[in-house]
Amino acid sequence: MSVESPCISVCRMDGASRLCEGCLRTLDEIACWGGMSDQEKLLVCDEIARRKRVFELSASKVTVAGSIGSIGSIGSVSGAREF
């Protein structure tokens, strides 16, 4: 089995999260990808899926908060109720 790279050619690192904005990998994960076993690559893919869920949850909280709340760190919204 060969695990495809999650790269989508949107290669920009986010300074706050230290993740690639396109594939949600760290610099270490990107640099080591070619030398990883398929098992290691699958673990990284699982972590990427977890990160996506966190970002989607964060985004939905911001949407619910509207202009009432302010965004603090990733995943937290102040001034708004969580549903």
Protein backbone atom coordinates (compact mmCIF):
# COMPACT_ATOMS: atom_id res chain seq x y z
CA MET A 1 0.00 0.00 0.00
CA SER A 2 1.17 3.51 -0.72
CA VAL A 3 -0.24 6.43 1.27
CA GLU A 4 -0.64 9.58 -0.82
CA SER A 5 0.66 12.87 0.45
CA PRO A 6 -2.05 15.13 1.89
CA CYS A 7 -0.41 18.13 0.17
CA ILE A 8 -2.88 20.20 -1.85
CA SER A 9 -0.26 22.70 -3.11
CA VAL A 10 -1.36 25.47 -0.75
CA CYS A 11 1.96 25.65 1.02
CA ARG A 12 1.87 28.43 3.63
CA MET A 13 2.75 28.02 7.27
CA ASP A 14 0.43 29.62 9.81
CA GLY A 15 2.49 31.40 12.44
CA ALA A 16 0.04 30.86 15.28
CA SER A 17 -0.72 27.16 14.78
CA ARG A 18 2.62 26.31 13.12
CA LEU A 19 0.69 24.18 10.62
CA CYS A 20 0.60 24.30 6.84
CA GLU A 21 -2.60 26.10 5.84
CA GLY A 22 -3.16 23.63 3.00
CA CYS A 23 -2.53 20.19 4.48
CA LEU A 24 -2.47 20.93 8.23
CA ARG A 25 0.90 19.22 8.73
CA THR A 26 3.76 20.50 10.83
CA LEU A 27 7.12 21.29 9.23
CA ASP A 28 8.54 18.09 10.74
CA GLU A 29 5.70 16.00 9.29
CA ILE A 30 6.23 17.58 5.86
CA ALA A 31 10.01 17.14 5.96
CA CYS A 32 9.85 13.52 7.15
CA TRP A 33 6.95 12.37 4.94
CA GLY A 34 9.13 10.74 2.26
CA GLY A 35 10.98 8.63 4.80
CA MET A 36 7.95 7.53 6.80
CA SER A 37 6.51 4.06 6.69
CA ASP A 38 2.90 3.69 5.50
CA GLN A 39 1.90 3.12 9.13
CA GLU A 40 3.53 6.40 10.19
CA LYS A 41 1.88 8.22 7.29
CA LEU A 42 -1.51 6.84 8.33
CA LEU A 43 -0.92 8.12 11.87
CA VAL A 44 -0.16 11.58 10.46
CA CYS A 45 -3.34 11.38 8.34
CA ASP A 46 -5.33 10.53 11.48
CA GLU A 47 -3.82 13.54 13.22
CA ILE A 48 -4.69 15.77 10.24
CA ALA A 49 -8.31 14.56 10.45
CA ARG A 50 -8.35 15.43 14.17
CA ARG A 51 -6.93 18.90 13.44
CA LYS A 52 -9.60 19.49 10.77
CA ARG A 53 -12.33 18.64 13.29
CA VAL A 54 -10.81 21.09 15.80
CA PHE A 55 -10.63 23.86 13.20
CA GLU A 56 -14.19 23.18 12.00
CA LEU A 57 -15.47 23.27 15.58
CA SER A 58 -13.56 26.51 16.14
CA ALA A 59 -15.06 28.02 12.99
CA SER A 60 -18.59 27.01 13.98
CA LYS A 61 -18.17 28.65 17.39
CA VAL A 62 -17.03 31.86 15.70
CA THR A 63 -20.07 31.74 13.38
CA VAL A 64 -22.45 31.27 16.33
CA ALA A 65 -20.71 34.05 18.26
CA GLY A 66 -21.11 36.52 15.42
CA SER A 67 -19.93 39.95 16.41
CA ILE A 68 -20.60 39.31 20.11
CA GLY A 69 -17.50 37.29 20.92
CA SER A 70 -13.86 37.68 20.20
CA ILE A 71 -11.49 34.95 19.17
CA GLY A 72 -8.70 34.15 21.58
CA SER A 73 -6.47 31.19 20.91
CA ILE A 74 -7.46 28.48 18.43
CA GLY A 75 -10.54 26.71 19.66
CA SER A 76 -11.71 29.30 22.14
CA VAL A 77 -14.29 32.01 21.84
CA SER A 78 -14.92 34.49 24.58
CA GLY A 79 -18.18 36.34 25.04
CA ALA A 80 -20.37 33.74 23.36
CA ARG A 81 -22.33 30.71 24.43
CA GLU A 82 -21.20 27.34 23.12
CA PHE A 83 -23.84 24.99 21.72
